[in-house]
Structure formats: C-alpha cells, structure tokens
Amino acid sequence: METLLDVQDIHTFIGQYHILQGVTVSVPKGSITALLGRNGAGKTTTLKSILGLTPPTSGRIVFDQREIQGMRSFDIAALGIGFVPEHRAIFRDLTVGENLKIAERKKGEYERKQEFIFSLFPDLKRLIGLSGTNLSGGQQQMLAIARALIAENKLILIDEPSEGLAPVLIEQLMAAIRQLSAESTIVLVEQNFLVASQLAEYYVIIEEGQSVQAGKMADLVKDQATIHHYLGAA
C-alpha cells in the first residue's frame, strides 16, 4: 500500500523540554490512522511537528514523496495538509458561511466544495448565517472540520474530535469522518479508544514521547493487555 506520510524518528523540543524523543508514524494513503496514548504522551505535538508548528530538531518527515521537515508551516499546509486543532479554533464572531469562506486558499474553492461539505454536515447549511458564538460544541466541531475541507487537502490531521461531545453528536461526527476518508487520508488523535477503534484502520501508540507500537487496529482491539498497559482502558 502506498504511503502518503512517513514520519521517521522525529525529536521535538518545546523550550527546554524534550517532548518527542523518537516518534515514527507511517500513514497509508486513503486510510484513517489513529495516534493513541495517555494525556501528555506527545500526540498533539506529533501533529504540530508534522505541520511545522513545533518544528522537529531531528528526524525526517516525508509527505507525498517530498521531505517537509524544516519548511514553514504555511508552505507545508499549501502542499495539501489540513489541520483541525483541539478546542475547534473557529472564528466565533464570524458566521458559519464566513468561517468557511475565509478558509479558501484559492478563489472559488468554497463554492466548489459546498455540496460535499453540506452532505457531510447538513446542520451547517441550516446554520449558515449564525455566528460561531451561537453554535453548540458539536456544531463548532463540525465547522472546524468543514473548514479543513475547503482547500484541496490530501491529508487531514484531526486532534481530539470527540472531546466534550454528547454520544449522539459523536455518532454523527464519526459518520462524517468515515465518509470524508473516501476523499482524504486522515490522521486522528483520539483519547476515546472506542471511537478510535471504530474509525481507524491503523494505529500508533505514543508513550512518553516515543512511538512504542503500531499496526492494524483490528489486531489491537483483540489485545486487551496492550490496551490496558498503554491506554488504561479495560
């Protein structure tokens, strides 16, 4: 299977703190790959390192057959990588429509993508004129993901999509992410193992800044000892 993203032994410092101490992640094209681990393990820093927001000091990152470590963040994004950060990061004073429009990299992208986005998130069409302040947590999360779909992204990095959402909204979001995976490759950080296990085909476990295990999610689901040891889940 063709690899779209290949992260090899990256080390990342934030200030004086050595956060990532050897993370390796291989992401097959067209897949959903979950980064798993306890809080503080380094999952979000891995996403930010891929994007150059917290640049790695060593290691290698290859996206779509091109080395991207050392590039500026906006140049990396322009290659076709979308990012949905934790805590949604929408523009709360702008309407749903304005949030989507402002995500364009090229004129006309929003118009071309409207049908696809509203098929994934029908609520957003109904709420198009409402400001971000008036959206529920689930609606804000849907908008945050939709913003990453405006530009032509081959890879979408999504950080903790289910955090703080009610079960019914999590189900809606999972359905949208599954549908989205037919269009883009997805790397997902997800603390809820049940959600991650139902979405992802592949996984990487990160523990104390190091990738310690990787493989097919179907195999991990059967390995209760590993789940308990690294994730604390029963």
C-alpha atoms as a PDB file:
ATOM      1  CA  MET A   1       0.000   0.000   0.000  1.00  0.00           C
ATOM      2  CA  GLU A   2       1.297   3.454  -0.944  1.00  0.00           C
ATOM      3  CA  THR A   3       2.492   5.594   1.973  1.00  0.00           C
ATOM      4  CA  LEU A   4       1.316   9.213   1.936  1.00  0.00           C
ATOM      5  CA  LEU A   5       3.042  10.349   5.134  1.00  0.00           C
ATOM      6  CA  ASP A   6       6.230   8.907   6.589  1.00  0.00           C
ATOM      7  CA  VAL A   7       7.493  10.294   9.895  1.00  0.00           C
ATOM      8  CA  GLN A   8      10.850   8.824  10.886  1.00  0.00           C
ATOM      9  CA  ASP A   9      12.327   9.144  14.381  1.00  0.00           C
ATOM     10  CA  ILE A  10      11.484  12.792  14.997  1.00  0.00           C
ATOM     11  CA  HIS A  11      12.640  14.647  18.095  1.00  0.00           C
ATOM     12  CA  THR A  12      10.914  17.881  19.102  1.00  0.00           C
ATOM     13  CA  PHE A  13      11.667  20.355  21.862  1.00  0.00           C
ATOM     14  CA  ILE A  14       9.266  22.937  23.257  1.00  0.00           C
ATOM     15  CA  GLY A  15      11.509  25.400  25.054  1.00  0.00           C
ATOM     16  CA  GLN A  16      13.893  23.316  27.130  1.00  0.00           C
ATOM     17  CA  TYR A  17      11.572  20.317  27.234  1.00  0.00           C
ATOM     18  CA  HIS A  18      12.340  17.323  25.026  1.00  0.00           C
ATOM     19  CA  ILE A  19       8.733  16.391  24.172  1.00  0.00           C
ATOM     20  CA  LEU A  20       9.174  13.949  21.295  1.00  0.00           C
ATOM     21  CA  GLN A  21      12.054  11.548  21.760  1.00  0.00           C
ATOM     22  CA  GLY A  22      11.757   9.344  18.708  1.00  0.00           C
ATOM     23  CA  VAL A  23       8.334   9.180  17.042  1.00  0.00           C
ATOM     24  CA  THR A  24       7.812   7.171  13.872  1.00  0.00           C
ATOM     25  CA  VAL A  25       4.475   7.127  12.048  1.00  0.00           C
ATOM     26  CA  SER A  26       3.692   5.586   8.665  1.00  0.00           C
ATOM     27  CA  VAL A  27       0.340   6.567   7.143  1.00  0.00           C
ATOM     28  CA  PRO A  28      -1.013   4.581   4.177  1.00  0.00           C
ATOM     29  CA  LYS A  29      -2.743   6.620   1.514  1.00  0.00           C
ATOM     30  CA  GLY A  30      -6.544   6.520   1.829  1.00  0.00           C
ATOM     31  CA  SER A  31      -6.504   5.297   5.422  1.00  0.00           C
ATOM     32  CA  ILE A  32      -7.548   6.558   8.833  1.00  0.00           C
ATOM     33  CA  THR A  33      -4.612   6.223  11.235  1.00  0.00           C
ATOM     34  CA  ALA A  34      -5.090   6.904  14.954  1.00  0.00           C
ATOM     35  CA  LEU A  35      -2.418   8.218  17.290  1.00  0.00           C
ATOM     36  CA  LEU A  36      -3.117   6.719  20.701  1.00  0.00           C
ATOM     37  CA  GLY A  37      -1.675   7.265  24.147  1.00  0.00           C
ATOM     38  CA  ARG A  38      -2.318   8.800  27.517  1.00  0.00           C
ATOM     39  CA  ASN A  39      -2.659  12.552  28.087  1.00  0.00           C
ATOM     40  CA  GLY A  40       0.705  14.251  27.689  1.00  0.00           C
ATOM     41  CA  ALA A  41       2.251  11.403  25.698  1.00  0.00           C
ATOM     42  CA  GLY A  42       3.095  13.649  22.733  1.00  0.00           C
ATOM     43  CA  LYS A  43       0.240  13.003  20.291  1.00  0.00           C
ATOM     44  CA  THR A  44      -0.717  16.636  19.675  1.00  0.00           C
ATOM     45  CA  THR A  45       2.952  17.641  19.449  1.00  0.00           C
ATOM     46  CA  THR A  46       3.370  14.992  16.759  1.00  0.00           C
ATOM     47  CA  LEU A  47       0.619  16.611  14.674  1.00  0.00           C
ATOM     48  CA  LYS A  48       2.123  20.066  15.208  1.00  0.00           C
ATOM     49  CA  SER A  49       5.582  18.768  14.298  1.00  0.00           C
ATOM     50  CA  ILE A  50       4.262  17.377  11.018  1.00  0.00           C
ATOM     51  CA  LEU A  51       2.856  20.825  10.239  1.00  0.00           C
ATOM     52  CA  GLY A  52       5.995  22.654  11.341  1.00  0.00           C
ATOM     53  CA  LEU A  53       4.200  24.465  14.163  1.00  0.00           C
ATOM     54  CA  THR A  54       6.642  22.859  16.618  1.00  0.00           C
ATOM     55  CA  PRO A  55       9.490  22.020  14.223  1.00  0.00           C
ATOM     56  CA  PRO A  56      11.399  18.814  14.963  1.00  0.00           C
ATOM     57  CA  THR A  57      15.106  19.225  15.672  1.00  0.00           C
ATOM     58  CA  SER A  58      15.969  15.890  14.070  1.00  0.00           C
ATOM     59  CA  GLY A  59      14.349  13.091  12.117  1.00  0.00           C
ATOM     60  CA  ARG A  60      12.654  13.010   8.746  1.00  0.00           C
ATOM     61  CA  ILE A  61       9.101  13.761   7.568  1.00  0.00           C
ATOM     62  CA  VAL A  62       8.098  12.828   4.022  1.00  0.00           C
ATOM     63  CA  PHE A  63       4.696  13.850   2.683  1.00  0.00           C
ATOM     64  CA  ASP A  64       3.615  12.766  -0.777  1.00  0.00           C
ATOM     65  CA  GLN A  65       7.230  11.815  -1.602  1.00  0.00           C
ATOM     66  CA  ARG A  66       8.616  15.197  -0.519  1.00  0.00           C
ATOM     67  CA  GLU A  67      10.660  15.974   2.589  1.00  0.00           C
ATOM     68  CA  ILE A  68       8.889  18.685   4.558  1.00  0.00           C
ATOM     69  CA  GLN A  69      10.783  18.976   7.843  1.00  0.00           C
ATOM     70  CA  GLY A  70      12.300  22.443   8.075  1.00  0.00           C
ATOM     71  CA  MET A  71       9.685  24.037   5.812  1.00  0.00           C
ATOM     72  CA  ARG A  72       7.495  26.902   7.039  1.00  0.00           C
ATOM     73  CA  SER A  73       4.069  25.907   8.327  1.00  0.00           C
ATOM     74  CA  PHE A  74       2.071  27.735   5.664  1.00  0.00           C
ATOM     75  CA  ASP A  75       4.200  26.169   2.916  1.00  0.00           C
ATOM     76  CA  ILE A  76       3.575  22.718   4.393  1.00  0.00           C
ATOM     77  CA  ALA A  77      -0.178  23.398   4.547  1.00  0.00           C
ATOM     78  CA  ALA A  78      -0.128  24.590   0.935  1.00  0.00           C
ATOM     79  CA  LEU A  79       1.142  21.162  -0.148  1.00  0.00           C
ATOM     80  CA  GLY A  80      -2.248  19.763   0.860  1.00  0.00           C
ATOM     81  CA  ILE A  81      -2.351  19.210   4.621  1.00  0.00           C
ATOM     82  CA  GLY A  82      -5.369  20.397   6.609  1.00  0.00           C
ATOM     83  CA  PHE A  83      -5.410  20.710  10.397  1.00  0.00           C
ATOM     84  CA  VAL A  84      -8.345  20.584  12.805  1.00  0.00           C
ATOM     85  CA  PRO A  85      -6.855  21.618  16.162  1.00  0.00           C
ATOM     86  CA  GLU A  86      -8.099  20.671  19.604  1.00  0.00           C
ATOM     87  CA  HIS A  87     -10.683  23.123  21.001  1.00  0.00           C
ATOM     88  CA  ARG A  88     -12.030  23.804  17.465  1.00  0.00           C
ATOM     89  CA  ALA A  89     -10.377  27.211  16.816  1.00  0.00           C
ATOM     90  CA  ILE A  90     -13.163  28.688  14.716  1.00  0.00           C
ATOM     91  CA  PHE A  91     -13.739  32.438  14.363  1.00  0.00           C
ATOM     92  CA  ARG A  92     -16.568  32.895  16.848  1.00  0.00           C
ATOM     93  CA  ASP A  93     -17.533  36.401  15.711  1.00  0.00           C
ATOM     94  CA  LEU A  94     -17.949  35.270  12.090  1.00  0.00           C
ATOM     95  CA  THR A  95     -20.913  33.381  10.681  1.00  0.00           C
ATOM     96  CA  VAL A  96     -20.704  29.760   9.585  1.00  0.00           C
ATOM     97  CA  GLY A  97     -20.567  30.910   5.972  1.00  0.00           C
ATOM     98  CA  GLU A  98     -17.830  33.468   6.683  1.00  0.00           C
ATOM     99  CA  ASN A  99     -15.782  30.841   8.570  1.00  0.00           C
ATOM    100  CA  LEU A 100     -15.956  28.572   5.541  1.00  0.00           C
ATOM    101  CA  LYS A 101     -15.237  31.326   3.025  1.00  0.00           C
ATOM    102  CA  ILE A 102     -12.171  32.556   4.884  1.00  0.00           C
ATOM    103  CA  ALA A 103     -10.647  29.058   4.719  1.00  0.00           C
ATOM    104  CA  GLU A 104     -10.165  29.355   0.948  1.00  0.00           C
ATOM    105  CA  ARG A 105      -6.609  29.150  -0.375  1.00  0.00           C
ATOM    106  CA  LYS A 106      -7.799  29.874  -3.910  1.00  0.00           C
ATOM    107  CA  LYS A 107     -10.807  31.884  -5.026  1.00  0.00           C
ATOM    108  CA  GLY A 108     -13.853  29.712  -5.709  1.00  0.00           C
ATOM    109  CA  GLU A 109     -12.889  26.756  -3.506  1.00  0.00           C
ATOM    110  CA  TYR A 110     -15.773  27.338  -1.100  1.00  0.00           C
ATOM    111  CA  GLU A 111     -18.318  27.393  -3.914  1.00  0.00           C
ATOM    112  CA  ARG A 112     -16.939  24.184  -5.405  1.00  0.00           C
ATOM    113  CA  LYS A 113     -16.934  22.362  -2.060  1.00  0.00           C
ATOM    114  CA  GLN A 114     -20.311  23.488  -0.679  1.00  0.00           C
ATOM    115  CA  GLU A 115     -22.299  20.477  -1.869  1.00  0.00           C
ATOM    116  CA  PHE A 116     -19.787  17.992  -0.461  1.00  0.00           C
ATOM    117  CA  ILE A 117     -19.460  19.813   2.878  1.00  0.00           C
ATOM    118  CA  PHE A 118     -23.203  20.133   3.393  1.00  0.00           C
ATOM    119  CA  SER A 119     -23.683  16.463   2.518  1.00  0.00           C
ATOM    120  CA  LEU A 120     -21.298  15.640   5.385  1.00  0.00           C
ATOM    121  CA  PHE A 121     -22.697  18.244   7.787  1.00  0.00           C
ATOM    122  CA  PRO A 122     -26.324  19.140   6.899  1.00  0.00           C
ATOM    123  CA  ASP A 123     -26.641  21.222  10.092  1.00  0.00           C
ATOM    124  CA  LEU A 124     -24.101  23.732   8.784  1.00  0.00           C
ATOM    125  CA  LYS A 125     -26.288  24.565   5.793  1.00  0.00           C
ATOM    126  CA  ARG A 126     -29.186  25.319   8.117  1.00  0.00           C
ATOM    127  CA  LEU A 127     -26.954  27.433  10.376  1.00  0.00           C
ATOM    128  CA  ILE A 128     -25.070  29.217   7.583  1.00  0.00           C
ATOM    129  CA  GLY A 129     -25.915  32.729   8.819  1.00  0.00           C
ATOM    130  CA  LEU A 130     -25.382  32.051  12.520  1.00  0.00           C
ATOM    131  CA  SER A 131     -22.242  33.273  14.284  1.00  0.00           C
ATOM    132  CA  GLY A 132     -19.774  30.820  15.785  1.00  0.00           C
ATOM    133  CA  THR A 133     -20.619  32.088  19.273  1.00  0.00           C
ATOM    134  CA  ASN A 134     -24.144  30.699  18.930  1.00  0.00           C
ATOM    135  CA  LEU A 135     -23.119  27.189  17.859  1.00  0.00           C
ATOM    136  CA  SER A 136     -23.129  24.188  20.177  1.00  0.00           C
ATOM    137  CA  GLY A 137     -19.873  22.336  20.839  1.00  0.00           C
ATOM    138  CA  GLY A 138     -20.779  19.684  18.306  1.00  0.00           C
ATOM    139  CA  GLN A 139     -21.685  22.258  15.663  1.00  0.00           C
ATOM    140  CA  GLN A 140     -18.402  24.075  16.281  1.00  0.00           C
ATOM    141  CA  GLN A 141     -16.508  20.808  15.799  1.00  0.00           C
ATOM    142  CA  MET A 142     -18.332  20.131  12.547  1.00  0.00           C
ATOM    143  CA  LEU A 143     -17.475  23.650  11.360  1.00  0.00           C
ATOM    144  CA  ALA A 144     -13.816  23.198  12.326  1.00  0.00           C
ATOM    145  CA  ILE A 145     -13.604  20.017  10.247  1.00  0.00           C
ATOM    146  CA  ALA A 146     -15.535  21.594   7.375  1.00  0.00           C
ATOM    147  CA  ARG A 147     -13.035  24.467   7.272  1.00  0.00           C
ATOM    148  CA  ALA A 148     -10.246  21.958   6.646  1.00  0.00           C
ATOM    149  CA  LEU A 149     -12.170  20.624   3.647  1.00  0.00           C
ATOM    150  CA  ILE A 150     -12.422  23.892   1.718  1.00  0.00           C
ATOM    151  CA  ALA A 151      -8.944  23.627   0.217  1.00  0.00           C
ATOM    152  CA  GLU A 152      -7.804  20.556  -1.725  1.00  0.00           C
ATOM    153  CA  ASN A 153      -6.148  18.624   1.107  1.00  0.00           C
ATOM    154  CA  LYS A 154      -4.709  15.169   0.567  1.00  0.00           C
ATOM    155  CA  LEU A 155      -4.140  14.729   4.304  1.00  0.00           C
ATOM    156  CA  ILE A 156      -6.222  15.984   7.231  1.00  0.00           C
ATOM    157  CA  LEU A 157      -4.895  15.978  10.801  1.00  0.00           C
ATOM    158  CA  ILE A 158      -7.705  15.975  13.374  1.00  0.00           C
ATOM    159  CA  ASP A 159      -6.988  16.487  17.075  1.00  0.00           C
ATOM    160  CA  GLU A 160      -9.486  15.079  19.606  1.00  0.00           C
ATOM    161  CA  PRO A 161     -12.686  15.420  17.532  1.00  0.00           C
ATOM    162  CA  SER A 162     -14.990  13.748  20.068  1.00  0.00           C
ATOM    163  CA  GLU A 163     -13.785  15.635  23.150  1.00  0.00           C
ATOM    164  CA  GLY A 164     -16.669  17.062  25.176  1.00  0.00           C
ATOM    165  CA  LEU A 165     -19.387  15.933  22.779  1.00  0.00           C
ATOM    166  CA  ALA A 166     -22.599  14.089  23.616  1.00  0.00           C
ATOM    167  CA  PRO A 167     -22.834  10.484  22.339  1.00  0.00           C
ATOM    168  CA  VAL A 168     -25.380  11.321  19.629  1.00  0.00           C
ATOM    169  CA  LEU A 169     -23.080  14.034  18.230  1.00  0.00           C
ATOM    170  CA  ILE A 170     -20.096  11.698  18.381  1.00  0.00           C
ATOM    171  CA  GLU A 171     -22.017   9.226  16.210  1.00  0.00           C
ATOM    172  CA  GLN A 172     -22.779  11.973  13.665  1.00  0.00           C
ATOM    173  CA  LEU A 173     -19.166  13.076  13.645  1.00  0.00           C
ATOM    174  CA  MET A 174     -17.886   9.520  13.211  1.00  0.00           C
ATOM    175  CA  ALA A 175     -20.202   9.008  10.240  1.00  0.00           C
ATOM    176  CA  ALA A 176     -18.882  12.215   8.648  1.00  0.00           C
ATOM    177  CA  ILE A 177     -15.234  11.240   9.221  1.00  0.00           C
ATOM    178  CA  ARG A 178     -15.846   7.834   7.642  1.00  0.00           C
ATOM    179  CA  GLN A 179     -17.373   9.492   4.603  1.00  0.00           C
ATOM    180  CA  LEU A 180     -14.540  12.012   4.488  1.00  0.00           C
ATOM    181  CA  SER A 181     -11.952   9.220   4.430  1.00  0.00           C
ATOM    182  CA  ALA A 182     -13.125   8.330   0.924  1.00  0.00           C
ATOM    183  CA  GLU A 183     -11.775  11.731  -0.187  1.00  0.00           C
ATOM    184  CA  SER A 184      -8.734  12.337   2.054  1.00  0.00           C
ATOM    185  CA  THR A 185      -6.250  10.427   4.185  1.00  0.00           C
ATOM    186  CA  ILE A 186      -6.793  11.116   7.893  1.00  0.00           C
ATOM    187  CA  VAL A 187      -4.534  11.106  10.940  1.00  0.00           C
ATOM    188  CA  LEU A 188      -6.605  11.210  14.093  1.00  0.00           C
ATOM    189  CA  VAL A 189      -5.649  11.922  17.696  1.00  0.00           C
ATOM    190  CA  GLU A 190      -8.434  10.480  19.825  1.00  0.00           C
ATOM    191  CA  GLN A 191      -8.482   9.896  23.578  1.00  0.00           C
ATOM    192  CA  ASN A 192     -11.697   7.871  23.384  1.00  0.00           C
ATOM    193  CA  PHE A 193     -10.449   4.413  22.422  1.00  0.00           C
ATOM    194  CA  LEU A 194     -13.903   3.172  21.465  1.00  0.00           C
ATOM    195  CA  VAL A 195     -14.235   5.995  18.928  1.00  0.00           C
ATOM    196  CA  ALA A 196     -10.698   5.479  17.616  1.00  0.00           C
ATOM    197  CA  SER A 197     -11.142   1.721  17.302  1.00  0.00           C
ATOM    198  CA  GLN A 198     -14.357   2.121  15.309  1.00  0.00           C
ATOM    199  CA  LEU A 199     -12.875   4.687  12.933  1.00  0.00           C
ATOM    200  CA  ALA A 200      -9.236   3.827  12.304  1.00  0.00           C
ATOM    201  CA  GLU A 201      -7.714   1.057  10.224  1.00  0.00           C
ATOM    202  CA  TYR A 202      -4.220   1.608  11.628  1.00  0.00           C
ATOM    203  CA  TYR A 203      -2.799   2.870  14.918  1.00  0.00           C
ATOM    204  CA  VAL A 204       0.399   4.132  16.509  1.00  0.00           C
ATOM    205  CA  ILE A 205       0.787   4.181  20.295  1.00  0.00           C
ATOM    206  CA  ILE A 206       2.888   7.025  21.691  1.00  0.00           C
ATOM    207  CA  GLU A 207       4.223   6.736  25.237  1.00  0.00           C
ATOM    208  CA  GLU A 208       6.357   9.424  26.912  1.00  0.00           C
ATOM    209  CA  GLY A 209       7.307  10.983  23.586  1.00  0.00           C
ATOM    210  CA  GLN A 210       8.175   7.767  21.791  1.00  0.00           C
ATOM    211  CA  SER A 211       6.235   5.580  19.392  1.00  0.00           C
ATOM    212  CA  VAL A 212       6.168   2.170  21.058  1.00  0.00           C
ATOM    213  CA  GLN A 213       3.802   0.080  18.943  1.00  0.00           C
ATOM    214  CA  ALA A 214       1.996   0.280  15.593  1.00  0.00           C
ATOM    215  CA  GLY A 215      -0.130  -1.939  13.401  1.00  0.00           C
ATOM    216  CA  LYS A 216      -3.669  -2.706  12.338  1.00  0.00           C
ATOM    217  CA  MET A 217      -6.448  -1.567  14.645  1.00  0.00           C
ATOM    218  CA  ALA A 218      -8.270  -4.887  14.234  1.00  0.00           C
ATOM    219  CA  ASP A 219      -5.299  -6.615  15.886  1.00  0.00           C
ATOM    220  CA  LEU A 220      -5.046  -4.094  18.727  1.00  0.00           C
ATOM    221  CA  VAL A 221      -8.728  -4.458  19.611  1.00  0.00           C
ATOM    222  CA  LYS A 222      -8.069  -8.131  20.407  1.00  0.00           C
ATOM    223  CA  ASP A 223      -5.023  -7.325  22.564  1.00  0.00           C
ATOM    224  CA  GLN A 224      -6.520  -6.300  25.890  1.00  0.00           C
ATOM    225  CA  ALA A 225      -3.170  -6.485  27.702  1.00  0.00           C
ATOM    226  CA  THR A 226      -1.624  -3.850  25.407  1.00  0.00           C
ATOM    227  CA  ILE A 227      -4.730  -1.652  25.583  1.00  0.00           C
ATOM    228  CA  HIS A 228      -4.661  -1.751  29.387  1.00  0.00           C
ATOM    229  CA  HIS A 229      -0.889  -1.226  29.630  1.00  0.00           C
ATOM    230  CA  TYR A 230      -0.597   1.800  27.332  1.00  0.00           C
ATOM    231  CA  LEU A 231      -4.076   3.317  27.289  1.00  0.00           C
ATOM    232  CA  GLY A 232      -5.506   2.392  30.674  1.00  0.00           C
ATOM    233  CA  ALA A 233      -8.702   1.164  29.029  1.00  0.00           C
ATOM    234  CA  ALA A 234     -10.317  -2.016  30.254  1.00  0.00           C
END
